[in-house]
């Protein structure tokens, strides 16, 4: 796991030497905010811990799209009788360092194997019920970082979904200590941009349009799986591994037999005016004025390509008089422009010795506009007759192609029209199993009494300490059915010999 594990002092704490068969917990916090986990382990002070990661449901309960990842969190209760975690204790070793935003990671060692539980950052340390002898420490994972950081990315052309997600992570300075692993597919977006939206929303729009999966792994890494990701089981389990509390959703709860996908086609307009300044401001001699041009087409805001830096006399004019009747100062004006997706920052400088009125300023380019939204549908009449109509609706701005949307709708209908089990299982006293799989790893589950013997992906993982030493832990897995696309099957768009091949 790194972080100078050799300096961890398990032997002098609760759990004995590092070769112990017990669960050896590690709670590392970068109190110095220097980007380094120096080996200090706060697990010795932990008296209770709960961890939750993933999503509650595969799709939203109302059928409105796939459910994105919820914020992963670990809630830790700390023994603070020494006042180590008291932010007001001036003589404490952590005085001045107990602050929200410190990087943190929780992991464990069992029988010589290390298992990450979650990585993220500290959020709002508080005393338990006002009692500073016990502190509540919450750690949130990188999903919260996405939620808190809006993103703007310049318009990109012919960009893959993975590269677009990477551009979002770059724009918000995704911490390098967490890292990323983004699976590249062959599909590309002809145009893509981000314009100030929540970063998690921006990523989820892309993921939905790609029918992929995005999540933050236990080690903090941002991960994206394309729809062609092949999942191989990392673990085989049997009914004896689980507690009695096995929950299976009723058939009609998971059936979706009417699939609707909205399509938002784009078109590139002929070169024209994107923006014209509606005022005639003055600029003092030797000074500058900064304005932002918001692009529009037929009164609606839009992104643009091939944006032209304003040209003297064609796109801007300046004069000593606001009505243009004075001395022409256009030649004494300089324009600097920085183009964003839907706007441009324009710096106008008056290099003359006279007061200058800007009597004309406009920006030209090729507007990218959305054509009327189209919705495609896929029905399974047999399923509707058996279970009634149950709708699944997907609406993402990056679904731009009707043929792709129709193919996706048919694919989703096939996978959801018939009842499929989404088991929830509970494990206790099986650390050899409980901590092995991460989110969206595949596990083989055999529940003989329920007729289930299949591979599932982990959609949600919960851990709860059952005793203050952390040696007994209850784990809940929420499992999701999934489809592996055969590596030899056609993928659209396709390239002969690369993403597909002829059958013999």
Protein backbone atom coordinates (compact mmCIF):
# COMPACT_ATOMS: atom_id res chain seq x y z
CA UNK A 1 0.00 0.00 0.00
CA UNK A 2 2.98 2.33 0.27
CA UNK A 3 3.05 5.07 2.92
CA UNK A 4 5.93 3.51 4.87
CA UNK A 5 3.91 0.52 6.04
CA UNK A 6 6.99 -0.76 7.84
CA UNK A 7 6.67 2.02 10.42
CA UNK A 8 3.12 1.06 11.44
CA UNK A 9 3.06 0.17 15.09
CA UNK A 10 0.48 -2.60 15.24
CA UNK A 11 2.69 -4.59 17.59
CA UNK A 12 2.50 -1.99 20.37
CA UNK A 13 -1.27 -1.53 19.97
CA UNK A 14 -4.30 -3.81 20.15
CA UNK A 15 -3.56 -6.35 17.49
CA UNK A 16 -0.19 -7.88 18.20
CA UNK A 17 2.59 -8.32 15.65
CA UNK A 18 2.04 -7.70 11.94
CA UNK A 19 1.97 -11.47 11.30
CA UNK A 20 -1.13 -11.82 13.48
CA UNK A 21 -4.16 -13.67 12.04
CA UNK A 22 -6.33 -10.78 13.21
CA UNK A 23 -7.61 -7.99 11.00
CA UNK A 24 -5.06 -5.19 11.17
CA UNK A 25 -6.69 -1.86 10.39
CA UNK A 26 -4.96 1.25 9.06
CA UNK A 27 -6.42 4.74 9.14
CA UNK A 28 -3.97 7.15 7.51
CA UNK A 29 -4.54 10.88 7.35
CA UNK A 30 -2.28 13.43 5.71
CA UNK A 31 -2.47 15.85 8.62
CA UNK A 32 0.41 17.94 7.21
CA UNK A 33 -1.36 18.35 3.85
CA UNK A 34 1.93 17.63 2.10
CA UNK A 35 0.55 14.88 -0.12
CA UNK A 36 2.39 12.16 1.81
CA UNK A 37 1.02 9.43 4.04
CA UNK A 38 3.93 9.14 6.46
CA UNK A 39 2.96 5.87 8.12
CA UNK A 40 1.10 7.35 11.11
CA UNK A 41 -1.81 5.04 11.87
CA UNK A 42 -4.83 6.38 13.77
CA UNK A 43 -6.52 2.96 13.93
CA UNK A 44 -5.42 2.55 17.55
CA UNK A 45 -7.97 5.23 18.53
CA UNK A 46 -10.90 3.87 16.49
CA UNK A 47 -13.81 2.41 18.47
CA UNK A 48 -16.39 2.19 15.69
CA UNK A 49 -16.37 2.34 11.91
CA UNK A 50 -18.94 2.16 9.12
CA UNK A 51 -18.22 2.38 5.41
CA UNK A 52 -20.64 2.71 2.47
CA UNK A 53 -19.76 2.99 -1.22
CA UNK A 54 -21.53 2.54 -4.54
CA UNK A 55 -25.17 3.03 -5.46
CA UNK A 56 -28.43 1.83 -3.99
CA UNK A 57 -30.00 0.78 -7.29
CA UNK A 58 -28.90 -0.17 -10.81
CA UNK A 59 -31.47 2.22 -12.24
CA UNK A 60 -33.37 4.99 -10.50
CA UNK A 61 -36.55 3.63 -8.85
CA UNK A 62 -38.78 5.71 -11.13
CA UNK A 63 -37.03 4.28 -14.20
CA UNK A 64 -35.49 7.63 -15.07
CA UNK A 65 -31.98 6.61 -16.09
CA UNK A 66 -29.13 4.70 -14.49
CA UNK A 67 -28.35 5.66 -10.92
CA UNK A 68 -24.96 7.36 -10.53
CA UNK A 69 -22.58 6.60 -7.69
CA UNK A 70 -23.50 8.08 -4.34
CA UNK A 71 -20.78 9.69 -2.25
CA UNK A 72 -18.72 7.03 -0.51
CA UNK A 73 -18.23 7.70 3.17
CA UNK A 74 -16.58 6.24 6.22
CA UNK A 75 -17.79 7.32 9.66
CA UNK A 76 -15.27 6.74 12.41
CA UNK A 77 -15.66 7.17 16.16
CA UNK A 78 -12.35 7.98 17.85
CA UNK A 79 -11.30 7.69 21.46
CA UNK A 80 -10.18 11.24 22.21
CA UNK A 81 -9.47 10.94 25.93
CA UNK A 82 -5.90 12.09 25.19
CA UNK A 83 -7.35 15.12 23.31
CA UNK A 84 -5.27 14.16 20.27
CA UNK A 85 -8.16 15.06 17.94
CA UNK A 86 -9.35 18.15 19.82
CA UNK A 87 -8.83 21.12 17.44
CA UNK A 88 -8.87 23.50 20.45
CA UNK A 89 -6.13 21.70 22.39
CA UNK A 90 -3.06 23.89 21.80
CA UNK A 91 -0.66 21.32 23.29
CA UNK A 92 -1.93 18.46 21.13
CA UNK A 93 0.35 16.92 18.47
CA UNK A 94 -2.22 17.72 15.77
CA UNK A 95 -3.07 21.27 16.84
CA UNK A 96 -3.70 23.42 13.78
CA UNK A 97 -3.86 20.36 11.51
CA UNK A 98 -7.31 18.99 12.29
CA UNK A 99 -9.10 20.52 9.34
CA UNK A 100 -11.58 19.39 6.69
CA UNK A 101 -10.03 18.49 3.36
CA UNK A 102 -7.08 16.45 4.61
CA UNK A 103 -6.44 13.42 2.39
CA UNK A 104 -7.19 10.10 4.06
CA UNK A 105 -7.28 6.40 3.33
CA UNK A 106 -8.51 3.37 5.23
CA UNK A 107 -7.33 -0.14 4.54
CA UNK A 108 -6.64 -3.38 6.34
CA UNK A 109 -4.27 -6.32 6.36
CA UNK A 110 -5.51 -9.86 6.81
CA UNK A 111 -3.25 -12.91 6.64
CA UNK A 112 -0.56 -10.94 4.85
CA UNK A 113 -2.89 -9.49 2.20
CA UNK A 114 -3.69 -5.76 2.00
CA UNK A 115 -7.23 -4.65 1.16
CA UNK A 116 -8.14 -1.00 0.49
CA UNK A 117 -11.46 0.05 2.01
CA UNK A 118 -11.74 3.67 0.85
CA UNK A 119 -9.64 6.72 0.05
CA UNK A 120 -10.81 10.31 0.17
CA UNK A 121 -10.59 13.28 2.48
CA UNK A 122 -11.68 14.32 5.94
CA UNK A 123 -14.99 16.16 6.23
CA UNK A 124 -16.07 18.16 9.28
CA UNK A 125 -14.56 16.48 12.39
CA UNK A 126 -16.97 16.90 15.32
CA UNK A 127 -17.21 15.81 18.95
CA UNK A 128 -19.81 13.10 19.60
CA UNK A 129 -22.84 14.80 21.17
CA UNK A 130 -20.61 17.66 22.33
CA UNK A 131 -18.33 15.29 24.22
CA UNK A 132 -14.71 15.93 23.19
CA UNK A 133 -13.59 12.63 24.72
CA UNK A 134 -15.06 11.03 21.59
CA UNK A 135 -14.68 12.47 18.10
CA UNK A 136 -16.66 11.66 14.99
CA UNK A 137 -14.49 11.70 11.88
CA UNK A 138 -16.12 11.40 8.45
CA UNK A 139 -14.12 10.57 5.34
CA UNK A 140 -15.73 11.15 1.94
CA UNK A 141 -14.48 9.63 -1.29
CA UNK A 142 -13.73 11.30 -4.62
CA UNK A 143 -17.37 11.37 -5.69
CA UNK A 144 -17.81 14.24 -3.23
CA UNK A 145 -14.85 15.99 -4.84
CA UNK A 146 -16.67 15.75 -8.17
CA UNK A 147 -19.89 17.06 -6.64
CA UNK A 148 -18.13 20.06 -5.12
CA UNK A 149 -16.20 21.09 -8.24
CA UNK A 150 -17.95 22.60 -11.27
CA UNK A 151 -16.17 22.12 -14.58
CA UNK A 152 -15.69 24.03 -17.81
CA UNK A 153 -13.83 22.52 -20.74
CA UNK A 154 -13.27 24.07 -24.15
CA UNK A 155 -15.20 22.57 -27.02
CA UNK A 156 -13.47 19.42 -28.25
CA UNK A 157 -13.92 17.67 -31.60
CA UNK A 158 -13.73 13.93 -32.27
CA UNK A 159 -12.98 13.03 -28.67
CA UNK A 160 -13.45 9.64 -27.01
CA UNK A 161 -15.61 9.25 -23.93
CA UNK A 162 -12.57 8.30 -21.87
CA UNK A 163 -10.64 11.37 -23.04
CA UNK A 164 -13.63 13.60 -22.26
CA UNK A 165 -13.81 12.19 -18.73
CA UNK A 166 -10.05 12.68 -18.44
CA UNK A 167 -10.45 16.30 -19.56
CA UNK A 168 -12.96 16.84 -16.74
CA UNK A 169 -10.59 15.33 -14.18
CA UNK A 170 -7.77 17.49 -15.50
CA UNK A 171 -9.88 20.64 -15.36
CA UNK A 172 -10.77 20.15 -11.68
CA UNK A 173 -7.24 19.06 -10.68
CA UNK A 174 -8.20 15.52 -9.71
CA UNK A 175 -5.60 14.61 -7.07
CA UNK A 176 -2.70 12.62 -8.48
CA UNK A 177 -2.47 10.71 -5.20
CA UNK A 178 -5.81 9.10 -6.13
CA UNK A 179 -5.04 8.54 -9.80
CA UNK A 180 -7.29 7.32 -12.60
CA UNK A 181 -7.89 4.38 -14.93
CA UNK A 182 -10.10 5.20 -17.92
CA UNK A 183 -10.90 2.43 -20.35
CA UNK A 184 -10.72 3.67 -23.93
CA UNK A 185 -13.30 2.53 -26.47
CA UNK A 186 -13.46 3.26 -30.17
CA UNK A 187 -16.57 5.47 -30.11
CA UNK A 188 -16.02 9.21 -30.37
CA UNK A 189 -18.09 12.33 -29.87
CA UNK A 190 -17.94 14.68 -32.86
CA UNK A 191 -18.37 17.64 -30.48
CA UNK A 192 -18.18 17.81 -26.71
CA UNK A 193 -17.76 20.53 -24.10
CA UNK A 194 -18.46 21.29 -20.45
CA UNK A 195 -19.87 24.60 -19.37
CA UNK A 196 -19.86 25.10 -15.62
CA UNK A 197 -21.90 22.07 -14.57
CA UNK A 198 -21.30 19.83 -11.60
CA UNK A 199 -18.41 17.49 -12.48
CA UNK A 200 -20.22 14.34 -11.41
CA UNK A 201 -23.19 15.31 -13.59
CA UNK A 202 -20.89 16.07 -16.53
CA UNK A 203 -19.27 12.64 -16.20
CA UNK A 204 -22.57 10.82 -15.73
CA UNK A 205 -23.96 12.38 -18.93
CA UNK A 206 -20.97 10.94 -20.79
CA UNK A 207 -21.23 7.55 -19.08
CA UNK A 208 -24.93 7.27 -19.91
CA UNK A 209 -24.32 8.13 -23.55
CA UNK A 210 -21.61 5.46 -23.72
CA UNK A 211 -23.55 2.85 -21.69
CA UNK A 212 -20.42 2.60 -19.58
CA UNK A 213 -19.68 2.62 -15.87
CA UNK A 214 -17.86 5.23 -13.79
CA UNK A 215 -16.95 4.89 -10.13
CA UNK A 216 -14.28 5.73 -7.56
CA UNK A 217 -12.41 2.59 -6.53
CA UNK A 218 -11.47 1.67 -2.97
CA UNK A 219 -7.94 2.99 -3.51
CA UNK A 220 -9.35 6.36 -4.61
CA UNK A 221 -8.76 5.84 -8.31
CA UNK A 222 -11.32 7.25 -10.76
CA UNK A 223 -12.35 4.36 -13.01
CA UNK A 224 -14.32 4.21 -16.24
CA UNK A 225 -15.38 0.95 -17.89
CA UNK A 226 -16.61 1.09 -21.47
CA UNK A 227 -19.71 -0.90 -22.43
CA UNK A 228 -17.39 -3.53 -23.94
CA UNK A 229 -15.63 -4.14 -20.63
CA UNK A 230 -15.20 -7.83 -19.93
CA UNK A 231 -15.74 -8.77 -16.26
CA UNK A 232 -14.18 -11.97 -14.98
CA UNK A 233 -15.21 -13.29 -11.58
CA UNK A 234 -12.66 -12.55 -8.86
CA UNK A 235 -14.34 -14.72 -6.24
CA UNK A 236 -16.69 -17.70 -6.00
CA UNK A 237 -19.18 -17.85 -3.14
CA UNK A 238 -21.80 -20.28 -1.90
CA UNK A 239 -24.92 -19.87 0.21
CA UNK A 240 -23.08 -21.04 3.33
CA UNK A 241 -20.85 -17.94 3.06
CA UNK A 242 -23.80 -15.63 3.63
CA UNK A 243 -26.10 -14.93 6.52
CA UNK A 244 -29.78 -15.75 6.41
CA UNK A 245 -30.78 -12.23 5.45
CA UNK A 246 -30.71 -12.60 1.66
CA UNK A 247 -32.95 -10.12 -0.12
CA UNK A 248 -34.15 -10.60 -3.69
CA UNK A 249 -36.24 -7.92 -5.38
CA UNK A 250 -39.64 -8.99 -6.69
CA UNK A 251 -39.75 -9.67 -10.46
CA UNK A 252 -41.88 -6.66 -11.34
CA UNK A 253 -39.50 -4.35 -9.46
CA UNK A 254 -36.65 -4.96 -11.89
CA UNK A 255 -38.52 -5.36 -15.20
CA UNK A 256 -38.32 -2.55 -17.77
CA UNK A 257 -40.07 -3.39 -21.02
CA UNK A 258 -40.61 0.03 -22.57
CA UNK A 259 -37.33 1.80 -23.24
CA UNK A 260 -37.22 5.43 -24.34
CA UNK A 261 -34.00 7.21 -25.26
CA UNK A 262 -33.87 10.90 -26.15
CA UNK A 263 -31.58 11.93 -28.98
CA UNK A 264 -30.14 15.44 -29.30
CA UNK A 265 -28.66 15.83 -32.80
CA UNK A 266 -26.28 18.70 -33.49
CA UNK A 267 -25.68 20.67 -36.64
CA UNK A 268 -23.01 23.19 -37.59
CA UNK A 269 -24.41 26.45 -38.97
CA UNK A 270 -22.83 28.49 -41.73
CA UNK A 271 -20.37 31.19 -40.61
CA UNK A 272 -22.18 34.16 -39.11
CA UNK A 273 -22.41 36.55 -36.18
CA UNK A 274 -22.34 34.84 -32.79
CA UNK A 275 -22.53 37.97 -30.68
CA UNK A 276 -22.78 41.73 -31.08
CA UNK A 277 -22.14 44.20 -28.26
CA UNK A 278 -25.33 46.11 -27.52
CA UNK A 279 -23.65 49.18 -26.01
CA UNK A 280 -20.98 51.74 -26.95
CA UNK A 281 -18.66 51.91 -23.96
CA UNK A 282 -15.78 54.35 -23.71
CA UNK A 283 -12.18 53.51 -22.82
CA UNK A 284 -9.76 56.04 -21.37
CA UNK A 285 -6.42 56.60 -23.12
CA UNK A 286 -3.97 53.77 -22.46
CA UNK A 287 -6.56 51.68 -20.59
CA UNK A 288 -8.35 48.40 -21.33
CA UNK A 289 -11.89 47.08 -21.03
CA UNK A 290 -12.72 43.39 -20.61
CA UNK A 291 -16.06 42.01 -21.77
CA UNK A 292 -17.43 38.50 -22.20
CA UNK A 293 -19.28 37.60 -25.38
CA UNK A 294 -22.00 34.99 -24.91
CA UNK A 295 -22.55 33.11 -28.18
CA UNK A 296 -26.07 32.63 -29.49
CA UNK A 297 -27.95 31.54 -32.59
CA UNK A 298 -31.50 32.75 -33.21
CA UNK A 299 -31.64 33.95 -29.62
CA UNK A 300 -30.52 30.67 -28.01
CA UNK A 301 -27.09 30.24 -26.41
CA UNK A 302 -24.80 27.84 -28.21
CA UNK A 303 -21.19 26.71 -28.52
CA UNK A 304 -19.22 27.51 -31.65
CA UNK A 305 -16.21 26.47 -33.68
CA UNK A 306 -13.95 28.44 -36.03
CA UNK A 307 -14.40 31.54 -33.91
CA UNK A 308 -12.65 34.52 -35.53
CA UNK A 309 -10.72 37.09 -33.51
CA UNK A 310 -12.46 40.41 -34.31
CA UNK A 311 -11.03 42.14 -37.37
CA UNK A 312 -10.65 45.92 -37.51
CA UNK A 313 -13.40 47.76 -39.45
CA UNK A 314 -15.19 44.44 -40.11
CA UNK A 315 -15.88 43.43 -36.52
CA UNK A 316 -15.00 46.49 -34.48
CA UNK A 317 -14.92 50.26 -34.80
CA UNK A 318 -13.83 53.02 -32.42
CA UNK A 319 -14.37 56.77 -32.50
CA UNK A 320 -13.90 59.87 -30.37
CA UNK A 321 -17.71 60.29 -30.49
CA UNK A 322 -20.22 57.65 -29.43
CA UNK A 323 -22.30 58.27 -32.59
CA UNK A 324 -19.29 57.76 -34.83
CA UNK A 325 -19.21 61.38 -36.00
CA UNK A 326 -15.78 62.19 -34.51
CA UNK A 327 -12.29 61.00 -35.32
CA UNK A 328 -11.89 57.35 -36.28
CA UNK A 329 -9.70 55.60 -33.66
CA UNK A 330 -10.13 52.02 -34.93
CA UNK A 331 -6.46 51.72 -35.85
CA UNK A 332 -5.51 52.61 -32.27
CA UNK A 333 -7.55 49.76 -30.77
CA UNK A 334 -6.19 46.26 -30.15
CA UNK A 335 -8.26 43.19 -29.41
CA UNK A 336 -7.23 40.07 -27.50
CA UNK A 337 -9.70 37.21 -27.35
CA UNK A 338 -9.80 33.92 -25.45
CA UNK A 339 -12.43 31.51 -26.72
CA UNK A 340 -14.37 29.16 -24.47
CA UNK A 341 -17.15 26.79 -25.50
CA UNK A 342 -20.08 29.19 -25.35
CA UNK A 343 -18.32 32.44 -24.56
CA UNK A 344 -15.25 34.47 -25.37
CA UNK A 345 -13.25 36.79 -23.17
CA UNK A 346 -12.38 39.97 -25.06
CA UNK A 347 -9.83 42.53 -23.87
CA UNK A 348 -10.11 45.85 -25.71
CA UNK A 349 -7.17 48.25 -25.33
CA UNK A 350 -7.19 51.93 -26.29
CA UNK A 351 -3.65 52.80 -27.44
CA UNK A 352 -4.54 56.37 -28.47
CA UNK A 353 -4.16 59.61 -26.53
CA UNK A 354 -7.92 60.27 -26.73
CA UNK A 355 -11.02 58.91 -25.11
CA UNK A 356 -12.31 56.15 -27.41
CA UNK A 357 -15.88 54.91 -27.82
CA UNK A 358 -16.24 51.37 -29.13
CA UNK A 359 -19.09 51.87 -31.57
CA UNK A 360 -19.08 48.31 -32.94
CA UNK A 361 -17.83 44.98 -31.63
CA UNK A 362 -18.95 41.55 -32.77
CA UNK A 363 -17.72 37.96 -32.88
CA UNK A 364 -18.12 35.65 -35.87
CA UNK A 365 -17.92 31.89 -36.10
CA UNK A 366 -19.81 28.69 -36.83
CA UNK A 367 -22.59 28.09 -34.32
CA UNK A 368 -23.27 24.52 -33.21
CA UNK A 369 -26.95 24.13 -32.56
CA UNK A 370 -29.21 21.36 -31.39
CA UNK A 371 -31.79 20.13 -33.83
CA UNK A 372 -35.22 19.17 -32.48
CA UNK A 373 -34.97 16.37 -29.91
CA UNK A 374 -36.03 12.94 -31.12
CA UNK A 375 -37.09 10.01 -28.94
CA UNK A 376 -36.63 6.37 -29.94
CA UNK A 377 -38.49 3.51 -28.30
CA UNK A 378 -38.13 -0.24 -27.87
CA UNK A 379 -41.03 -2.40 -26.66
CA UNK A 380 -41.20 -5.97 -25.42
CA UNK A 381 -44.86 -6.81 -25.91
CA UNK A 382 -44.66 -10.23 -24.26
CA UNK A 383 -43.13 -8.71 -21.13
CA UNK A 384 -45.71 -5.93 -21.11
CA UNK A 385 -48.50 -8.50 -21.32
CA UNK A 386 -47.04 -10.46 -18.41
CA UNK A 387 -45.97 -7.65 -16.08
CA UNK A 388 -47.62 -4.50 -17.39
CA UNK A 389 -45.71 -1.59 -18.88
CA UNK A 390 -42.64 -0.50 -16.97
CA UNK A 391 -40.64 2.32 -18.50
CA UNK A 392 -36.95 3.07 -18.58
CA UNK A 393 -36.08 6.55 -19.90
CA UNK A 394 -32.61 7.79 -20.70
CA UNK A 395 -31.93 11.44 -21.52
CA UNK A 396 -28.34 12.61 -21.87
CA UNK A 397 -27.20 15.56 -24.00
CA UNK A 398 -24.43 13.44 -25.54
CA UNK A 399 -26.75 10.94 -27.17
CA UNK A 400 -26.47 12.55 -30.60
CA UNK A 401 -27.11 9.71 -33.05
CA UNK A 402 -30.51 8.11 -33.68
CA UNK A 403 -29.08 4.81 -34.92
CA UNK A 404 -26.92 4.47 -31.80
CA UNK A 405 -29.88 5.30 -29.59
CA UNK A 406 -32.05 2.66 -31.29
CA UNK A 407 -29.32 0.05 -30.89
CA UNK A 408 -28.93 0.98 -27.21
CA UNK A 409 -32.69 0.88 -26.63
CA UNK A 410 -32.91 -2.62 -28.09
CA UNK A 411 -29.92 -3.72 -26.00
CA UNK A 412 -31.41 -2.34 -22.77
CA UNK A 413 -34.80 -3.89 -23.55
CA UNK A 414 -33.27 -7.33 -23.99
CA UNK A 415 -31.44 -7.12 -20.66
CA UNK A 416 -34.39 -5.72 -18.66
CA UNK A 417 -37.57 -7.17 -20.17
CA UNK A 418 -37.45 -10.35 -18.12
CA UNK A 419 -37.04 -10.65 -14.34
CA UNK A 420 -33.44 -10.88 -13.20
CA UNK A 421 -32.27 -11.23 -9.64
CA UNK A 422 -30.43 -8.42 -7.89
CA UNK A 423 -29.49 -10.15 -4.62
CA UNK A 424 -28.48 -8.39 -1.45
CA UNK A 425 -26.34 -10.61 0.76
CA UNK A 426 -24.70 -10.28 4.16
CA UNK A 427 -21.36 -11.66 5.34
CA UNK A 428 -19.92 -11.87 8.84
CA UNK A 429 -16.73 -13.44 10.10
CA UNK A 430 -15.37 -14.06 6.61
CA UNK A 431 -12.58 -11.48 6.15
CA UNK A 432 -11.05 -13.78 3.54
CA UNK A 433 -14.11 -12.99 1.37
CA UNK A 434 -15.60 -9.75 2.69
CA UNK A 435 -12.85 -7.41 1.54
CA UNK A 436 -11.69 -9.11 -1.65
CA UNK A 437 -13.95 -7.59 -4.35
CA UNK A 438 -14.23 -3.89 -5.10
CA UNK A 439 -17.13 -2.05 -6.69
CA UNK A 440 -18.09 -3.48 -10.10
CA UNK A 441 -15.89 -6.50 -9.68
CA UNK A 442 -17.67 -9.66 -10.75
CA UNK A 443 -18.27 -12.40 -8.20
CA UNK A 444 -19.84 -15.81 -8.70
CA UNK A 445 -22.81 -16.32 -6.38
CA UNK A 446 -24.43 -19.72 -5.84
CA UNK A 447 -27.67 -19.59 -3.86
CA UNK A 448 -29.00 -23.11 -4.25
CA UNK A 449 -32.25 -22.58 -2.33
CA UNK A 450 -33.16 -19.71 -4.66
CA UNK A 451 -32.03 -21.28 -7.90
CA UNK A 452 -29.33 -18.65 -8.41
CA UNK A 453 -25.94 -19.56 -9.82
CA UNK A 454 -24.51 -16.65 -11.77
CA UNK A 455 -21.93 -13.89 -11.91
CA UNK A 456 -22.89 -10.50 -10.49
CA UNK A 457 -21.18 -7.16 -10.17
CA UNK A 458 -20.97 -5.39 -6.83
CA UNK A 459 -23.04 -2.22 -7.06
CA UNK A 460 -22.73 -1.31 -3.40
CA UNK A 461 -20.51 -2.34 -0.47
CA UNK A 462 -21.20 -1.63 3.20
CA UNK A 463 -19.01 -2.49 6.20
CA UNK A 464 -19.98 -2.15 9.86
CA UNK A 465 -17.76 -2.90 12.85
CA UNK A 466 -19.59 -5.14 15.30
CA UNK A 467 -17.08 -4.68 18.11
CA UNK A 468 -14.71 -1.91 19.11
CA UNK A 469 -11.57 -3.79 18.05
CA UNK A 470 -12.71 -4.12 14.44
CA UNK A 471 -12.22 -7.91 14.54
CA UNK A 472 -15.85 -8.64 13.73
CA UNK A 473 -17.31 -6.87 10.71
CA UNK A 474 -20.68 -7.15 9.00
CA UNK A 475 -20.53 -6.63 5.24
CA UNK A 476 -23.46 -6.12 2.88
CA UNK A 477 -23.16 -6.54 -0.88
CA UNK A 478 -25.77 -5.23 -3.26
CA UNK A 479 -25.28 -7.22 -6.44
CA UNK A 480 -26.23 -6.28 -9.98
CA UNK A 481 -26.77 -8.43 -13.04
CA UNK A 482 -24.72 -7.49 -16.06
CA UNK A 483 -23.91 -8.49 -19.63
CA UNK A 484 -20.47 -9.23 -20.98
CA UNK A 485 -20.23 -8.36 -24.65
CA UNK A 486 -18.54 -11.20 -26.49
CA UNK A 487 -15.13 -10.12 -27.67
CA UNK A 488 -15.94 -11.52 -31.13
CA UNK A 489 -19.27 -9.70 -31.49
CA UNK A 490 -19.86 -6.62 -33.59
CA UNK A 491 -19.40 -3.28 -31.87
CA UNK A 492 -20.75 -0.06 -33.32
CA UNK A 493 -19.08 1.95 -34.66
CA UNK A 494 -16.80 -0.87 -35.79
CA UNK A 495 -13.46 -1.37 -37.49
CA UNK A 496 -12.90 -4.61 -39.34
CA UNK A 497 -10.05 -6.57 -37.81
CA UNK A 498 -9.75 -4.24 -34.81
CA UNK A 499 -13.03 -4.15 -32.89
CA UNK A 500 -14.70 -6.98 -34.85
CA UNK A 501 -13.90 -9.89 -37.09
CA UNK A 502 -15.69 -12.20 -39.49
CA UNK A 503 -16.90 -15.51 -38.09
CA UNK A 504 -15.51 -18.65 -39.71
